Amino acid sequence: MAVEWLIPVLAFGVAWGVTRQCCRPGSWLYFLDHPNERSLHVRPTPRTGGVGVMAGVLAAGLALWLADGLGNGLFAALGGAMLLAAIGLLDDRRSLPARLRFLVQFVAAASVLALLGLEQPGWLRVLMTVGLVWMANLYNFMDGADGLAGGMGLFGFSALAAAAWLGDLPALALLAASIAAAAAGFLCFNFHPARIFMGDAGSVPLGFLAGALGLCGSGAGAWPLWFPLLVFAPFILDASVTLLQRALRRERVWQAHRTHYYQRLVQLGFGHRRTALLAYFLMAGSGASAVGMLRLDFSWQWALITIVLLMHFLLGLGIDVAWRRHLARSASRP
């Protein structure tokens, strides 16, 4: 098994090399994301970095498959992620209809749940399917600031890898570690000032993999269902609370915007670098807390989960207050 732990190194190298190629103007994978009303960047920037991430993940998956380390659930998760990566690349290039994208996402999610063979009530399976689709899309929503989505992949999947290793699931641990390593290879080019963004080809399948591997680990008994939700809490809470706030304000939630908490931090003058570092701190704290809680009894787990969520709530409340003051000052200026 010691040799197989070189697989994450392979994932990092492939992701780094392919992402570097995507940054080159002469590459066929070099196509630009032009700033719009949602964008925080002001210059056209390549948005195909996700190709590098998924190339690294695919290389690791093939190596694990050759080593007979992939079960049905992990194979379905990888297959679904690659399908979403292909659709995402086409969408980045040609803007596919939303109906087609959602259909593919639901098919991929349902396939993972079917191959996992989880014995759950029908309503819970439907909820899990919707949850997987939401994870895929919320990760995409959060790919809007330098270093953010790549760093979240690095810290989030590292936490899954640690918990899978402690739970004696080496194949799952290796795959999660490889995804984290691929995200790190991409992050070399995405940290502020970003030379490239992930795009739909990387953000959608990464979100899908976060949910799918979370279910794989839960089905194998490595962790309870709350574990992956807590690991990725900074992403899940930002995207979900922002969507709820916009819905309550009767805004068109499907339209592009710049009101995610991380977007507001950047606009408040916190900047891309400090926003990313704060997100890394939150993600590392959530992941480490989640892994540490696995050995505690039920009452302690929920007490600590409450504390972690309360910390996120207070941080979000502080940003809300600062944002309202910022808008008030802007409105009072002549």
Protein backbone atom coordinates (compact mmCIF):
# COMPACT_ATOMS: atom_id res chain seq x y z
CA MET A 1 0.00 0.00 0.00
CA ALA A 2 3.01 2.30 0.50
CA VAL A 3 3.58 2.54 -3.26
CA GLU A 4 -0.08 3.38 -3.82
CA TRP A 5 0.30 6.49 -1.68
CA LEU A 6 2.29 7.91 -4.60
CA ILE A 7 -1.03 8.18 -6.47
CA PRO A 8 -1.82 11.61 -4.94
CA VAL A 9 1.61 12.75 -6.14
CA LEU A 10 0.60 11.64 -9.64
CA ALA A 11 -2.67 13.58 -9.32
CA PHE A 12 -0.81 16.73 -8.28
CA GLY A 13 1.68 16.46 -11.15
CA VAL A 14 -0.97 15.87 -13.81
CA ALA A 15 -3.19 18.67 -12.49
CA TRP A 16 -0.26 21.10 -12.33
CA GLY A 17 0.93 20.27 -15.84
CA VAL A 18 -2.49 20.40 -17.51
CA THR A 19 -3.49 23.60 -15.68
CA ARG A 20 -0.22 25.22 -16.75
CA GLN A 21 -1.01 24.31 -20.34
CA CYS A 22 -4.52 25.76 -20.00
CA CYS A 23 -2.96 29.10 -18.98
CA ARG A 24 -1.13 29.41 -22.30
CA PRO A 25 -2.87 31.60 -24.91
CA GLY A 26 -1.92 29.22 -27.72
CA SER A 27 -3.61 26.21 -26.11
CA TRP A 28 -6.91 24.87 -27.50
CA LEU A 29 -8.13 24.84 -23.88
CA TYR A 30 -7.49 28.56 -23.50
CA PHE A 31 -10.83 30.34 -23.59
CA LEU A 32 -11.68 33.31 -21.49
CA ASP A 33 -14.23 34.19 -18.85
CA HIS A 34 -15.28 37.75 -19.54
CA PRO A 35 -16.33 39.75 -16.43
CA ASN A 36 -20.09 40.13 -15.86
CA GLU A 37 -22.36 41.33 -13.06
CA ARG A 38 -21.32 38.36 -10.88
CA SER A 39 -17.57 38.65 -11.43
CA LEU A 40 -15.06 40.01 -8.96
CA HIS A 41 -12.26 40.08 -11.53
CA VAL A 42 -11.99 42.89 -14.06
CA ARG A 43 -9.88 41.28 -16.77
CA PRO A 44 -10.80 38.39 -19.08
CA THR A 45 -9.30 35.28 -17.46
CA PRO A 46 -9.13 31.65 -18.63
CA ARG A 47 -11.78 29.45 -17.00
CA THR A 48 -10.58 25.97 -17.92
CA GLY A 49 -8.50 25.23 -14.83
CA GLY A 50 -11.01 22.56 -13.88
CA VAL A 51 -9.73 20.51 -16.81
CA GLY A 52 -6.41 20.27 -14.98
CA VAL A 53 -8.08 19.29 -11.71
CA MET A 54 -10.18 16.58 -13.31
CA ALA A 55 -7.25 15.31 -15.38
CA GLY A 56 -5.38 14.76 -12.12
CA VAL A 57 -8.41 13.06 -10.55
CA LEU A 58 -8.84 10.84 -13.62
CA ALA A 59 -5.17 9.81 -13.56
CA ALA A 60 -5.49 8.88 -9.88
CA GLY A 61 -8.75 7.01 -10.53
CA LEU A 62 -7.17 4.97 -13.31
CA ALA A 63 -4.21 4.11 -11.09
CA LEU A 64 -6.55 3.00 -8.31
CA TRP A 65 -8.61 0.97 -10.78
CA LEU A 66 -5.46 -0.81 -12.02
CA ALA A 67 -4.61 -1.55 -8.40
CA ASP A 68 -8.11 -3.04 -7.90
CA GLY A 69 -8.89 -0.35 -5.37
CA LEU A 70 -12.22 0.93 -6.70
CA GLY A 71 -15.56 -0.46 -5.59
CA ASN A 72 -18.88 0.20 -7.28
CA GLY A 73 -19.61 3.35 -5.31
CA LEU A 74 -16.25 5.02 -5.96
CA PHE A 75 -16.36 3.95 -9.60
CA ALA A 76 -19.81 5.53 -10.00
CA ALA A 77 -18.66 8.71 -8.23
CA LEU A 78 -15.67 9.02 -10.58
CA GLY A 79 -17.74 8.21 -13.66
CA GLY A 80 -20.39 10.76 -12.72
CA ALA A 81 -17.76 13.40 -12.03
CA MET A 82 -16.10 12.87 -15.41
CA LEU A 83 -19.46 13.11 -17.16
CA LEU A 84 -20.17 16.38 -15.35
CA ALA A 85 -16.69 17.63 -16.22
CA ALA A 86 -17.32 16.99 -19.92
CA ILE A 87 -20.71 18.73 -19.79
CA GLY A 88 -19.16 21.59 -17.82
CA LEU A 89 -16.43 22.06 -20.41
CA LEU A 90 -19.02 22.19 -23.17
CA ASP A 91 -21.05 24.67 -21.13
CA ASP A 92 -18.00 26.88 -20.58
CA ARG A 93 -17.45 26.83 -24.33
CA ARG A 94 -20.98 26.95 -25.77
CA SER A 95 -23.41 27.75 -22.87
CA LEU A 96 -25.60 24.64 -22.78
CA PRO A 97 -29.28 24.86 -21.73
CA ALA A 98 -29.76 24.70 -17.95
CA ARG A 99 -32.35 21.94 -18.43
CA LEU A 100 -29.75 19.66 -20.02
CA ARG A 101 -27.17 20.36 -17.30
CA PHE A 102 -29.63 19.57 -14.51
CA LEU A 103 -30.75 16.38 -16.25
CA VAL A 104 -27.18 15.09 -16.46
CA GLN A 105 -26.56 16.03 -12.82
CA PHE A 106 -29.64 14.14 -11.63
CA VAL A 107 -28.69 11.08 -13.70
CA ALA A 108 -25.18 11.10 -12.23
CA ALA A 109 -26.52 11.49 -8.68
CA ALA A 110 -29.13 8.74 -9.07
CA SER A 111 -26.49 6.39 -10.53
CA VAL A 112 -24.19 6.82 -7.52
CA LEU A 113 -27.02 6.13 -5.08
CA ALA A 114 -28.12 3.06 -7.06
CA LEU A 115 -24.63 1.55 -7.14
CA LEU A 116 -24.00 2.30 -3.48
CA GLY A 117 -27.00 0.13 -2.64
CA LEU A 118 -27.91 2.12 0.48
CA GLU A 119 -30.93 0.73 2.33
CA GLN A 120 -32.82 3.96 2.82
CA PRO A 121 -36.49 4.96 2.56
CA GLY A 122 -37.56 6.30 -0.82
CA TRP A 123 -38.05 9.86 0.44
CA LEU A 124 -34.50 9.89 1.86
CA ARG A 125 -33.05 8.65 -1.44
CA VAL A 126 -34.83 11.48 -3.24
CA LEU A 127 -33.47 13.94 -0.68
CA MET A 128 -29.95 12.56 -1.14
CA THR A 129 -30.25 12.86 -4.92
CA VAL A 130 -31.33 16.49 -4.65
CA GLY A 131 -28.54 17.05 -2.11
CA LEU A 132 -25.90 15.74 -4.53
CA VAL A 133 -27.18 18.03 -7.28
CA TRP A 134 -27.18 20.97 -4.87
CA MET A 135 -23.59 20.20 -3.79
CA ALA A 136 -22.50 20.22 -7.44
CA ASN A 137 -24.10 23.61 -8.06
CA LEU A 138 -23.18 25.34 -4.82
CA TYR A 139 -19.51 24.55 -5.38
CA ASN A 140 -19.88 26.21 -8.77
CA PHE A 141 -21.42 29.29 -7.14
CA MET A 142 -18.37 29.61 -4.90
CA ASP A 143 -15.83 29.61 -7.74
CA GLY A 144 -15.65 33.38 -7.96
CA ALA A 145 -12.65 34.60 -5.97
CA ASP A 146 -8.94 33.95 -6.33
CA GLY A 147 -7.87 30.77 -4.56
CA LEU A 148 -11.26 30.03 -3.02
CA ALA A 149 -12.63 26.91 -4.75
CA GLY A 150 -9.18 25.32 -5.11
CA GLY A 151 -8.36 25.87 -1.46
CA MET A 152 -11.70 24.47 -0.37
CA GLY A 153 -10.98 21.37 -2.41
CA LEU A 154 -7.56 21.00 -0.81
CA PHE A 155 -8.80 21.30 2.78
CA GLY A 156 -12.17 19.59 2.37
CA PHE A 157 -10.98 16.44 0.61
CA SER A 158 -7.95 16.24 2.92
CA ALA A 159 -10.38 15.96 5.84
CA LEU A 160 -12.31 13.21 4.03
CA ALA A 161 -9.03 11.40 3.34
CA ALA A 162 -7.97 11.57 7.00
CA ALA A 163 -11.31 10.26 8.23
CA ALA A 164 -11.38 7.47 5.63
CA TRP A 165 -7.89 6.39 6.64
CA LEU A 166 -8.87 6.33 10.31
CA GLY A 167 -11.95 4.35 9.30
CA ASP A 168 -9.80 1.73 7.54
CA LEU A 169 -11.02 2.58 4.04
CA PRO A 170 -7.71 2.97 2.15
CA ALA A 171 -9.24 3.22 -1.34
CA LEU A 172 -11.55 6.03 -0.30
CA ALA A 173 -8.69 7.72 1.57
CA LEU A 174 -6.44 7.52 -1.50
CA LEU A 175 -9.09 8.90 -3.84
CA ALA A 176 -9.95 11.79 -1.50
CA ALA A 177 -6.26 12.55 -0.99
CA SER A 178 -5.75 12.51 -4.76
CA ILE A 179 -8.61 14.99 -5.28
CA ALA A 180 -7.05 17.25 -2.64
CA ALA A 181 -3.68 16.94 -4.39
CA ALA A 182 -5.20 17.76 -7.79
CA ALA A 183 -6.84 20.85 -6.27
CA ALA A 184 -3.44 21.86 -4.89
CA GLY A 185 -1.90 21.53 -8.36
CA PHE A 186 -4.56 23.87 -9.74
CA LEU A 187 -4.20 26.24 -6.78
CA CYS A 188 -0.60 26.96 -7.80
CA PHE A 189 -2.08 29.00 -10.67
CA ASN A 190 -5.31 30.15 -9.01
CA PHE A 191 -4.13 31.79 -5.79
CA HIS A 192 -4.15 35.59 -5.88
CA PRO A 193 -3.47 37.02 -8.37
CA ALA A 194 -5.26 34.23 -10.23
CA ARG A 195 -4.01 33.31 -13.68
CA ILE A 196 -6.93 30.95 -14.28
CA PHE A 197 -10.29 29.95 -12.80
CA MET A 198 -11.80 26.51 -12.38
CA GLY A 199 -14.94 26.94 -14.47
CA ASP A 200 -17.85 24.50 -14.67
CA ALA A 201 -15.50 21.73 -15.84
CA GLY A 202 -13.98 21.60 -12.36
CA SER A 203 -16.30 23.24 -9.85
CA VAL A 204 -19.42 21.19 -10.65
CA PRO A 205 -17.72 17.76 -10.54
CA LEU A 206 -15.76 18.71 -7.40
CA GLY A 207 -18.97 19.58 -5.60
CA PHE A 208 -20.50 16.35 -6.84
CA LEU A 209 -17.49 14.37 -5.61
CA ALA A 210 -17.70 16.04 -2.19
CA GLY A 211 -21.25 14.78 -1.80
CA ALA A 212 -20.69 11.39 -3.45
CA LEU A 213 -17.60 10.50 -1.40
CA GLY A 214 -19.45 11.69 1.69
CA LEU A 215 -22.18 9.16 0.96
CA CYS A 216 -19.63 6.45 0.13
CA GLY A 217 -17.94 6.91 3.51
CA SER A 218 -21.28 6.99 5.32
CA GLY A 219 -22.45 3.83 3.58
CA ALA A 220 -19.20 2.07 4.55
CA GLY A 221 -19.56 3.13 8.18
CA ALA A 222 -16.56 5.48 8.27
CA TRP A 223 -18.63 8.49 9.37
CA PRO A 224 -22.22 9.64 9.97
CA LEU A 225 -24.09 11.73 7.41
CA TRP A 226 -23.36 14.97 9.26
CA PHE A 227 -19.61 14.58 8.76
CA PRO A 228 -19.19 15.70 5.12
CA LEU A 229 -21.76 18.47 5.70
CA LEU A 230 -19.65 19.86 8.54
CA VAL A 231 -16.40 19.47 6.59
CA PHE A 232 -17.76 21.60 3.74
CA ALA A 233 -19.86 23.85 6.00
CA PRO A 234 -18.20 27.14 4.91
CA PHE A 235 -19.22 26.48 1.31
CA ILE A 236 -22.61 24.95 2.05
CA LEU A 237 -23.68 27.71 4.45
CA ASP A 238 -22.52 30.59 2.26
CA ALA A 239 -24.31 29.31 -0.85
CA SER A 240 -27.45 28.10 0.93
CA VAL A 241 -27.97 31.14 3.18
CA THR A 242 -27.32 33.52 0.28
CA LEU A 243 -29.90 31.70 -1.85
CA LEU A 244 -32.44 31.86 0.99
CA GLN A 245 -31.81 35.56 1.57
CA ARG A 246 -32.28 36.36 -2.11
CA ALA A 247 -35.47 34.29 -2.23
CA LEU A 248 -36.88 36.13 0.81
CA ARG A 249 -36.11 39.43 -0.94
CA ARG A 250 -38.01 38.07 -3.96
CA GLU A 251 -35.00 38.41 -6.20
CA ARG A 252 -34.52 36.23 -9.25
CA VAL A 253 -32.34 33.61 -7.62
CA TRP A 254 -31.27 32.12 -10.96
CA GLN A 255 -29.63 35.36 -12.09
CA ALA A 256 -25.95 36.19 -11.59
CA HIS A 257 -25.13 38.33 -8.54
CA ARG A 258 -22.34 39.42 -6.21
CA THR A 259 -23.92 38.93 -2.79
CA HIS A 260 -22.29 35.75 -1.53
CA TYR A 261 -20.52 36.36 1.76
CA TYR A 262 -17.10 35.88 0.19
CA GLN A 263 -18.02 38.31 -2.60
CA ARG A 264 -19.15 40.92 -0.09
CA LEU A 265 -15.91 40.52 1.88
CA VAL A 266 -13.87 41.26 -1.23
CA GLN A 267 -16.04 44.29 -2.06
CA LEU A 268 -15.76 45.56 1.52
CA GLY A 269 -12.01 45.88 1.00
CA PHE A 270 -10.91 42.60 2.56
CA GLY A 271 -9.38 41.60 -0.77
CA HIS A 272 -8.99 38.28 -2.56
CA ARG A 273 -5.95 37.10 -0.60
CA ARG A 274 -7.32 37.74 2.89
CA THR A 275 -10.75 36.41 1.94
CA ALA A 276 -9.16 33.18 0.71
CA LEU A 277 -7.00 32.86 3.84
CA LEU A 278 -10.04 33.40 6.08
CA ALA A 279 -11.91 30.73 4.10
CA TYR A 280 -8.94 28.36 4.51
CA PHE A 281 -8.97 28.96 8.26
CA LEU A 282 -12.69 28.20 8.42
CA MET A 283 -12.38 25.14 6.22
CA ALA A 284 -9.37 23.75 8.11
CA GLY A 285 -11.16 24.36 11.40
CA SER A 286 -14.38 22.71 10.20
CA GLY A 287 -12.51 19.73 8.79
CA ALA A 288 -10.29 19.19 11.82
CA SER A 289 -13.26 19.59 14.17
CA ALA A 290 -15.30 17.09 12.16
CA VAL A 291 -12.51 14.50 12.16
CA GLY A 292 -11.92 14.98 15.90
CA MET A 293 -15.64 14.59 16.68
CA LEU A 294 -15.82 11.12 15.10
CA ARG A 295 -14.38 9.53 18.25
CA LEU A 296 -16.73 11.37 20.62
CA ASP A 297 -20.12 10.20 21.82
CA PHE A 298 -23.35 11.52 20.31
CA SER A 299 -24.04 14.27 22.86
CA TRP A 300 -20.54 15.75 22.55
CA GLN A 301 -20.74 15.61 18.77
CA TRP A 302 -23.89 17.68 18.61
CA ALA A 303 -22.65 20.13 21.23
CA LEU A 304 -19.50 20.82 19.19
CA ILE A 305 -21.43 20.91 15.90
CA THR A 306 -23.63 23.59 17.45
CA ILE A 307 -20.56 25.61 18.45
CA VAL A 308 -19.04 25.40 14.96
CA LEU A 309 -22.32 26.44 13.32
CA LEU A 310 -22.73 29.28 15.82
CA MET A 311 -19.27 30.59 14.91
CA HIS A 312 -20.25 30.60 11.22
CA PHE A 313 -23.53 32.33 12.08
CA LEU A 314 -21.78 35.10 14.02
CA LEU A 315 -19.27 35.63 11.22
CA GLY A 316 -22.09 35.83 8.67
CA LEU A 317 -24.00 38.25 10.90
CA GLY A 318 -20.95 40.48 11.15
CA ILE A 319 -20.59 40.54 7.36
CA ASP A 320 -24.31 41.33 7.00
CA VAL A 321 -24.00 44.31 9.36
CA ALA A 322 -20.87 45.62 7.66
CA TRP A 323 -22.51 45.24 4.24
CA ARG A 324 -25.62 47.20 5.26
CA ARG A 325 -23.41 50.01 6.56
CA HIS A 326 -21.45 49.95 3.31
CA LEU A 327 -24.66 50.25 1.26
CA ALA A 328 -25.92 53.06 3.49
CA ARG A 329 -22.68 55.02 3.07
CA SER A 330 -22.75 54.46 -0.69
CA ALA A 331 -26.37 55.69 -0.90
CA SER A 332 -25.58 58.85 1.11
CA ARG A 333 -22.77 59.95 -1.18
CA PRO A 334 -23.67 62.65 -3.73
